[in-house]
Amino acid sequence: MLRLLRARHALTWHGCVLRAATCTRTGCENKGVFSAFRTMWHRLAFVCALMAGLALTGCRSTPPPKPLDQLTPEEQAGHAVFREHCSLCHYDRVDKPLNGPSLLGMYKKPYLPSGAPANDERVTNTIVHGRNNMPAQGGRLTQEDLGQLLAYLHTL
């Protein structure tokens, strides 16, 4: 019986170290370490640098709201509606909750604090029908008020 020994080359991960090996039927033979992470200090330094890089890129703040002096007439009317009906419970230009969540950047995020998509349909539904501790505003706002309020909320 003729035995054929086929050599194959393999790259395997061992922790953070990439090793090259030549494997045959009789076993694998290590060829060395191909990594800059040879000591624990190198690994620790790499992990710290990686975490710092992720922290710097992952901490994006929302863009600032449109300045009040640059609002269109419709957005200014919406700001007046906000001050009259919403400002008792919500901040519009500060990113912290009052009695309800802050509305700063609400359309710049994919989801509302409730988990619903941040779109006009969901926001209108919440304003008109209320949700949890938020009372329904449907009987207190006209369609024009609601449109102006949504225009203003888009500027935040």
Protein backbone atom coordinates (compact mmCIF):
# COMPACT_ATOMS: atom_id res chain seq x y z
CA MET A 1 0.00 0.00 0.00
CA LEU A 2 1.37 3.32 -1.01
CA ARG A 3 1.06 6.14 1.45
CA LEU A 4 0.83 9.62 0.08
CA LEU A 5 1.68 12.33 2.51
CA ARG A 6 0.15 15.53 1.40
CA ALA A 7 1.46 18.66 3.01
CA ARG A 8 -0.95 21.50 3.39
CA HIS A 9 -0.39 24.93 4.79
CA ALA A 10 -2.76 26.37 7.36
CA LEU A 11 -3.14 29.67 9.11
CA THR A 12 -4.79 29.27 12.49
CA TRP A 13 -5.85 31.73 15.17
CA HIS A 14 -4.66 31.11 18.71
CA GLY A 15 -6.08 33.93 20.80
CA CYS A 16 -4.79 37.10 19.15
CA VAL A 17 -1.89 35.32 17.47
CA LEU A 18 -1.92 34.17 13.87
CA ARG A 19 0.24 31.08 13.44
CA ALA A 20 1.32 29.36 10.25
CA ALA A 21 1.59 25.61 10.24
CA THR A 22 2.41 22.88 7.77
CA CYS A 23 0.13 19.93 8.37
CA THR A 24 0.62 16.36 7.20
CA ARG A 25 -0.97 13.06 8.19
CA THR A 26 1.51 12.74 11.01
CA GLY A 27 0.73 16.11 12.57
CA CYS A 28 1.24 19.83 12.26
CA GLU A 29 4.49 21.67 12.52
CA ASN A 30 4.42 25.31 13.59
CA LYS A 31 6.36 27.70 11.41
CA GLY A 32 6.33 30.73 13.70
CA VAL A 33 4.20 33.59 14.82
CA PHE A 34 3.02 36.25 12.35
CA SER A 35 1.81 38.87 14.76
CA ALA A 36 2.85 42.06 16.48
CA PHE A 37 1.09 40.79 19.58
CA ARG A 38 3.88 38.65 20.96
CA THR A 39 3.64 39.71 24.56
CA MET A 40 0.77 40.41 26.86
CA TRP A 41 1.75 44.11 26.96
CA HIS A 42 1.47 44.37 23.18
CA ARG A 43 -1.99 42.80 23.34
CA LEU A 44 -3.06 45.12 26.15
CA ALA A 45 -1.79 48.19 24.29
CA PHE A 46 -3.64 47.07 21.14
CA VAL A 47 -6.92 46.52 23.03
CA CYS A 48 -6.63 49.92 24.76
CA ALA A 49 -5.94 51.67 21.45
CA LEU A 50 -8.86 49.87 19.82
CA MET A 51 -11.24 50.80 22.63
CA ALA A 52 -10.11 54.45 22.53
CA GLY A 53 -10.66 54.54 18.77
CA LEU A 54 -14.13 53.04 19.11
CA ALA A 55 -15.01 55.45 21.90
CA LEU A 56 -13.99 58.45 19.82
CA THR A 57 -15.87 57.34 16.72
CA GLY A 58 -18.89 55.99 18.59
CA CYS A 59 -19.59 59.14 20.61
CA ARG A 60 -21.27 61.20 17.96
CA SER A 61 -23.61 63.88 19.19
CA THR A 62 -26.60 64.98 17.19
CA PRO A 63 -26.13 68.13 15.12
CA PRO A 64 -27.35 71.31 16.80
CA PRO A 65 -30.88 72.49 16.11
CA LYS A 66 -31.56 75.19 13.57
CA PRO A 67 -31.09 78.62 15.24
CA LEU A 68 -34.36 80.33 16.17
CA ASP A 69 -33.53 83.40 14.06
CA GLN A 70 -33.24 81.22 10.94
CA LEU A 71 -36.65 79.52 11.24
CA THR A 72 -39.15 79.92 8.39
CA PRO A 73 -42.54 81.51 9.24
CA GLU A 74 -44.15 78.04 9.43
CA GLU A 75 -41.39 76.78 11.75
CA GLN A 76 -41.73 79.93 13.92
CA ALA A 77 -45.46 79.28 14.21
CA GLY A 78 -44.63 75.68 15.19
CA HIS A 79 -42.25 76.99 17.86
CA ALA A 80 -45.12 79.07 19.28
CA VAL A 81 -47.35 75.96 19.31
CA PHE A 82 -44.56 74.03 21.05
CA ARG A 83 -44.16 76.71 23.74
CA GLU A 84 -47.91 76.79 24.37
CA HIS A 85 -48.70 73.05 24.36
CA CYS A 86 -45.49 71.02 24.75
CA SER A 87 -42.90 72.99 26.74
CA LEU A 88 -44.44 72.10 30.11
CA CYS A 89 -43.29 68.50 29.67
CA HIS A 90 -40.60 68.50 26.94
CA TYR A 91 -37.36 70.35 26.30
CA ASP A 92 -36.76 71.23 22.68
CA ARG A 93 -33.19 72.54 22.75
CA VAL A 94 -31.71 70.67 25.72
CA ASP A 95 -30.85 66.97 25.59
CA LYS A 96 -32.31 65.91 28.95
CA PRO A 97 -35.79 64.88 30.00
CA LEU A 98 -38.25 67.19 31.76
CA ASN A 99 -41.52 65.36 32.50
CA GLY A 100 -41.28 63.67 29.10
CA PRO A 101 -38.27 62.91 26.89
CA SER A 102 -36.29 65.67 25.23
CA LEU A 103 -37.31 66.31 21.65
CA LEU A 104 -33.86 67.50 20.57
CA GLY A 105 -32.79 65.60 17.48
CA MET A 106 -35.83 63.33 17.46
CA TYR A 107 -35.98 63.20 13.66
CA LYS A 108 -32.21 62.77 13.39
CA LYS A 109 -32.40 59.40 15.11
CA PRO A 110 -34.00 56.32 13.56
CA TYR A 111 -36.31 55.65 16.53
CA LEU A 112 -38.27 57.63 19.09
CA PRO A 113 -37.66 56.99 22.82
CA SER A 114 -40.70 54.66 22.72
CA GLY A 115 -39.00 52.48 20.10
CA ALA A 116 -41.36 53.54 17.30
CA PRO A 117 -39.85 54.77 14.01
CA ALA A 118 -39.12 58.51 13.99
CA ASN A 119 -41.47 59.60 11.21
CA ASP A 120 -44.34 62.06 10.86
CA GLU A 121 -47.00 59.35 11.06
CA ARG A 122 -45.82 57.99 14.43
CA VAL A 123 -45.16 61.44 15.91
CA THR A 124 -48.58 62.70 14.78
CA ASN A 125 -50.26 59.62 16.24
CA THR A 126 -48.51 60.15 19.58
CA ILE A 127 -49.44 63.85 19.69
CA VAL A 128 -53.08 63.30 18.71
CA HIS A 129 -53.82 60.17 20.76
CA GLY A 130 -51.24 60.44 23.55
CA ARG A 131 -49.10 57.62 24.90
CA ASN A 132 -48.43 56.41 28.46
CA ASN A 133 -48.13 59.61 30.56
CA MET A 134 -48.55 61.96 27.61
CA PRO A 135 -52.11 63.26 27.31
CA ALA A 136 -53.83 63.34 23.93
CA GLN A 137 -53.60 66.73 22.23
CA GLY A 138 -55.94 65.94 19.33
CA GLY A 139 -58.81 68.09 20.64
CA ARG A 140 -56.53 71.02 21.47
CA LEU A 141 -54.63 71.36 18.18
CA THR A 142 -55.93 72.20 14.72
CA GLN A 143 -54.51 70.48 11.63
CA GLU A 144 -52.66 73.72 10.86
CA ASP A 145 -51.15 73.77 14.37
CA LEU A 146 -50.12 70.15 14.01
CA GLY A 147 -48.44 70.77 10.64
CA GLN A 148 -46.57 73.78 12.02
CA LEU A 149 -45.50 71.83 15.11
CA LEU A 150 -44.15 68.98 12.97
CA ALA A 151 -42.25 71.51 10.82
CA TYR A 152 -40.66 72.93 13.98
CA LEU A 153 -39.81 69.49 15.38
CA HIS A 154 -37.92 68.71 12.16
CA THR A 155 -35.59 71.64 12.91
CA LEU A 156 -34.49 70.24 16.27
